[in-house]
Amino acid sequence: MVDTTVAHVGKNLSDAMRILGDGQRGMEEKTEGSIFSRTSIPGPLQEAGQDVATILHLIHSLIHEEEEGEDKPNPQMQNVGEQGHMALLGHSLAAYVSVLDRERLRKLTTRILSDTTLWLCRLFRYENGSAYFHEDDREGLVNVCRLVINACYDDYASEGYAVLSSKQPVIYQSASSRPGLGQHLCNQLGLPLSSLCTVPCNTLFGSQHQMDIALLDKLIKEDVESGKFPLLLIANAGTHLAGHTDKLGRLRDLCDQYKMWLHVEGINLATLVLGEASSAVMAATRSDSMTLTPGPWLGLPAVTAVTLYRHEDPALSLAAGLTSSQPVEKLRALPLWLSLQYLGHSGIIQKIRHATMLSQQLLQNLKSVSSIKTSDVLAMEITLIDALTMVEDELHSPVVLLKYSQEITAASSSGSVDAYCAGEKEVLDAINRWLGKQLAQMVPASGVDVVELEDEGTCVRFSPLLTAADLGTQPEDVDNLVKKLLELVPLMTSTMSSRQDFKEETHQRSPYLRYVEELSWPGLGAVRYEPQVEGIDDIRRTKEIKKINAELLKQLQELDTDIIFSTGPEFAKEEDCIFISMVADDIDVSELMETILTLGRDIEENGRLLENMTEVVRKGIREAELELLKANDEKLMEEGMLRQLPLVGSVLNWFSPVQTSIKGRTFSLAAGSLDSTEVTYSTKAQSGRPPLKDSSTSSLERLQGQKLFRRSGAGSDSLSESSSIGQAEGSTSIHSPSLSVPEVDSACQCIPEEIQDSSQQKQHGQVEDKAFLEERKLEGQEGQPS
């Protein structure tokens, strides 16, 4: 018979996982007060208690509320699998078991702790070891250091830290260790930072991520001669970034020589459960202690880390905090105890083997890709001795590093190789950052990320031991990852090959175009159009540059092309620039730059034309007003004062009509002159002509449906014939597709429509002045009596 309470705990957990997993509400009949929303949180504790389902729905809403109102979809709960459910059940059972009577609790916790310790020691080949279960993966190392201090300093238990002053303890760690690990140890142990010695990695021989053993030996000798006490050495079986393993066998011998404690940690320790573990990782079984993180390896959520250690004195272990007399603390092992039983020995090995096979699959598939370097290739490039051993160890590592790298001979099709190589490393790092982000978006189940290494630079990391169990990575996901990578390689190659051409083409169009050096931009490059305006201050010039480049960017983004134009990264060094994205190998860089230059000139000239036009219009209006006043005076002198009176003038005009000619005026925007309308009325030809089609847009229409800037095809020919969209230098027509007309002041608000029309029909547009309107009004008054 199963305990009803235990069964109830399991049922509640299943219900909770179902509600949080699918997020479906089955509470339509609930009252409004029981439904929680964002506006009611935080708030006072409700008067009436809530049931379990309501509280779980509240948790679900809190998990997903950050995504409300955003375009991206709500996050989905991670599929933890059945073994994950067992781990979560362990936390619930631990709380239930803790209420048992003390004797039953002691027997139960002793059995759970003994079983879990035995299983882990056999799985990871760590004979005669003890286990310490801890939440923080650094806590085990901290307590191990306390154990070693208690063992090496006899009076430490009674005198405390005063005994350390005679011989200061020294903790050694690799430069490739986790950032902040050594500082955390010193803070927790109350040691000065001078007690921490960071050993550099190999600089001439071996892997750049392995501890330099010869230098370590030298440092230990210097510390011993200066009266210090070598206490503990932290070695890596898989560094946190690259997954490299130190030479643990030689480090073990060195620790035996100086009677130091050897502690090992790293992701490669997971391969100890396999029969084909490498010799470098197998040496970790000879260490004095090692920290394991089975949670991510096996896909177990909220499972503690484990530190296995060997020490014969249980009193010192108790003093160091590695064991506890409180049965409740021993229940930390319960979730792992349940999960290990659920998976079984073969299930655990299968999960670790699956992750390592995914790594080997990726390595094998990328061997034929010349532009992609992987972990084994990088290891061979940076080592001068022990190359075979190094590569063998790297092939057994579950961490795969890959990076895009192009041969120098293909740096530029026509440019200088030396100029390209000047910032090659920074450019390649930017390209590889872009590659990692693209692969993570295209194949999210792969779990790839980007790491920054000191010597190799930026690399893309594939570490299935940390992600495969949680994401459910399968061999087809690796195949898809390789497929997407092969699709991106030609794009990166063509972009790298065209960067120098882009720079040279920009320099050839100086001073209108200025090349902007931005090595961190993963694309063709950046350019800025600079107007050639004289006699203006720096503030006005800056505003003019910003205005023109903003309009230029807008027009470039409207072109029918595969190239992406943008304002660049958020923290770019230069402002008011146009950043050009990755380009294909058939892009004509010269044609692209000519288009940018032509559009920039058009925008600059159109802006000047509008400024000049505004001044001409103001001048024409003033002249038209003077002409109107002069015409009114002449009319008064010719007709006399009596004809101006409304009633008398009508009678006189009835008996003695006056034949007067209409002396209207027209203002030509093209010529900037005020002319008579006599010809217009004599030939009866009045405005009202249909608007003419802008001939400057013909190139865009001819290229409709075709991509621009291609080296071959009709689109490229048509674009070159029309000088890449726009008219030749010196033209005064206004044809920018999205050009904005500046506002005109109140003196010329009567004709802004005509200004815009004339910008499209400059050789035909004419605007009638106020004289014409006055003449028509007078004509109507004269014709009323008849």
Foldseek 3Di string as FASTA:
>chain_A
DDDPVLVVLLVLLVVLCVCLQPVDDPPPVDDPVLADDPVPPPDDDDPDDDDPSSVSNVVSCVQFVVCPPHDDDTDGDFDLPPLQSLLVSLVVVLVVLVPDDPVVLVVVLVVLLVVVQVVVCVLLVQPQKHKFWDADLLLVVLLVLLLLCCVVQVCCVPPNCVSCVQAPEAEEEEPLADPPSLVVSCVSRVHDSVSYHYAACDDAAADNREGDVVVVLVVVVVSVVVRHQHEAYEFECQGPFFTDGYQLVVVLVVCVVRVYAYEYEHDLSLCSSPPPRDPSSVSNSVGQKYKADCCLLQSHPSQTIMMIGDDDDVVSSVVSVRDDPDSSSSSSSRSVSSSCVVCDSVSSVVSNVQLLVLQLLLVVLCPPPPQKDKDLNVRQVRHDPPSVVRSVNSNRGSKMKMFGHDDLVLQAPPFDSVVLVPLVLLLRLLQQQVVQVVLCVQQVLQVWHWDADDPVGIIIMGRCSRRCSRSVDDNVSSVVSSVVVVVCNQLQSLLSHCLRVLQVLQVVPPPQKDFDDDSNFNASGKIFGQDDDPDDDPVVSVVVRLVLLVLLQVLVCPAQAPKHWDQTDPPTPDGSMITIHGDGNQFQSNLVVLLSSQSSLLLVLQVVLLVVLLVLLLVVQVVQVVVLVVVVVVVCVVPDDQLVDQPSVQVCCVVPNDDDDQFWWKAASLVSDIHTCNVCVVVVPDDPDDQDAAPLCVLRVVCVPHHERGNDDPNPVSCVVSSNGHHDPPDNARDSPDRDRDDHDPSPPVCPVLVVSCSRVVPPGMGTHVSNVVSVVVVVSSPVVD
